[in-house]
Amino acid sequence: MANGVWHTEYGIEINLTQPDLGVSGYPGLLEEIMTSVSERNPQLLECLAHKARRHRRRG
């Protein structure tokens, strides 16, 4: 499992190892990301490594 992910709708990095997810000001964020993929946007979270590779290709 990744330690960090990118929230594609908010444009923020989420650190899964921190109790507050490394961000503030997003009430309900934990519940949102813990929602089953079948019940939310399947593209909501993106692995940081994947995001970095995709960004380099666009470069």
C-alpha atoms as a PDB file:
ATOM      1  CA  MET A   1       0.000   0.000   0.000  1.00  0.00           C
ATOM      2  CA  ALA A   2       1.225   3.487  -0.810  1.00  0.00           C
ATOM      3  CA  ASN A   3       2.099   5.903   1.993  1.00  0.00           C
ATOM      4  CA  GLY A   4       0.863   8.865   0.018  1.00  0.00           C
ATOM      5  CA  VAL A   5      -1.788   9.450  -2.596  1.00  0.00           C
ATOM      6  CA  TRP A   6      -3.004  12.387  -4.675  1.00  0.00           C
ATOM      7  CA  HIS A   7      -6.629  13.481  -4.253  1.00  0.00           C
ATOM      8  CA  THR A   8      -7.551  14.300  -7.840  1.00  0.00           C
ATOM      9  CA  GLU A   9     -10.567  16.481  -7.022  1.00  0.00           C
ATOM     10  CA  TYR A  10      -8.998  18.605  -4.265  1.00  0.00           C
ATOM     11  CA  GLY A  11      -5.505  18.654  -5.781  1.00  0.00           C
ATOM     12  CA  ILE A  12      -3.868  17.707  -2.482  1.00  0.00           C
ATOM     13  CA  GLU A  13      -1.377  15.106  -1.331  1.00  0.00           C
ATOM     14  CA  ILE A  14      -2.711  12.801   1.374  1.00  0.00           C
ATOM     15  CA  ASN A  15      -0.231  11.117   3.701  1.00  0.00           C
ATOM     16  CA  LEU A  16      -1.793   7.855   4.806  1.00  0.00           C
ATOM     17  CA  THR A  17       0.694   7.388   7.654  1.00  0.00           C
ATOM     18  CA  GLN A  18      -0.407  10.520   9.533  1.00  0.00           C
ATOM     19  CA  PRO A  19      -3.514  10.625  11.752  1.00  0.00           C
ATOM     20  CA  ASP A  20      -4.686  13.885  10.131  1.00  0.00           C
ATOM     21  CA  LEU A  21      -3.670  12.616   6.673  1.00  0.00           C
ATOM     22  CA  GLY A  22      -1.160  15.489   6.497  1.00  0.00           C
ATOM     23  CA  VAL A  23      -3.813  18.058   5.604  1.00  0.00           C
ATOM     24  CA  SER A  24      -6.285  20.263   7.413  1.00  0.00           C
ATOM     25  CA  GLY A  25      -9.452  21.973   6.335  1.00  0.00           C
ATOM     26  CA  TYR A  26     -11.083  18.982   4.667  1.00  0.00           C
ATOM     27  CA  PRO A  27     -13.810  17.737   7.007  1.00  0.00           C
ATOM     28  CA  GLY A  28     -14.916  14.210   6.188  1.00  0.00           C
ATOM     29  CA  LEU A  29     -11.807  13.459   4.127  1.00  0.00           C
ATOM     30  CA  LEU A  30     -11.047  10.168   5.856  1.00  0.00           C
ATOM     31  CA  GLU A  31     -14.605   8.949   5.379  1.00  0.00           C
ATOM     32  CA  GLU A  32     -14.527  10.040   1.739  1.00  0.00           C
ATOM     33  CA  ILE A  33     -11.355   8.163   0.881  1.00  0.00           C
ATOM     34  CA  MET A  34     -12.464   5.088   2.857  1.00  0.00           C
ATOM     35  CA  THR A  35     -15.676   4.836   0.820  1.00  0.00           C
ATOM     36  CA  SER A  36     -15.760   1.784  -1.412  1.00  0.00           C
ATOM     37  CA  VAL A  37     -14.471   2.482  -4.919  1.00  0.00           C
ATOM     38  CA  SER A  38     -17.763   1.174  -6.281  1.00  0.00           C
ATOM     39  CA  GLU A  39     -19.534   4.015  -4.434  1.00  0.00           C
ATOM     40  CA  ARG A  40     -17.228   6.905  -5.388  1.00  0.00           C
ATOM     41  CA  ASN A  41     -15.208   8.179  -8.314  1.00  0.00           C
ATOM     42  CA  PRO A  42     -12.719   5.372  -9.007  1.00  0.00           C
ATOM     43  CA  GLN A  43     -10.167   7.982 -10.132  1.00  0.00           C
ATOM     44  CA  LEU A  44     -10.457   9.975  -6.882  1.00  0.00           C
ATOM     45  CA  LEU A  45      -7.106   8.801  -5.510  1.00  0.00           C
ATOM     46  CA  GLU A  46      -3.919   8.376  -7.492  1.00  0.00           C
ATOM     47  CA  CYS A  47      -0.635   6.868  -6.350  1.00  0.00           C
ATOM     48  CA  LEU A  48       2.004   9.615  -6.091  1.00  0.00           C
ATOM     49  CA  ALA A  49       4.512   7.562  -8.076  1.00  0.00           C
ATOM     50  CA  HIS A  50       1.994   7.135 -10.904  1.00  0.00           C
ATOM     51  CA  LYS A  51       1.186  10.844 -10.837  1.00  0.00           C
ATOM     52  CA  ALA A  52       4.893  11.721 -11.077  1.00  0.00           C
ATOM     53  CA  ARG A  53       5.432   9.392 -14.054  1.00  0.00           C
ATOM     54  CA  ARG A  54       2.375  10.781 -15.828  1.00  0.00           C
ATOM     55  CA  HIS A  55       3.547  14.357 -15.201  1.00  0.00           C
ATOM     56  CA  ARG A  56       7.050  13.621 -16.586  1.00  0.00           C
ATOM     57  CA  ARG A  57       5.562  12.201 -19.794  1.00  0.00           C
ATOM     58  CA  ARG A  58       3.598  15.404 -20.355  1.00  0.00           C
ATOM     59  CA  GLY A  59       6.702  17.536 -19.572  1.00  0.00           C
END
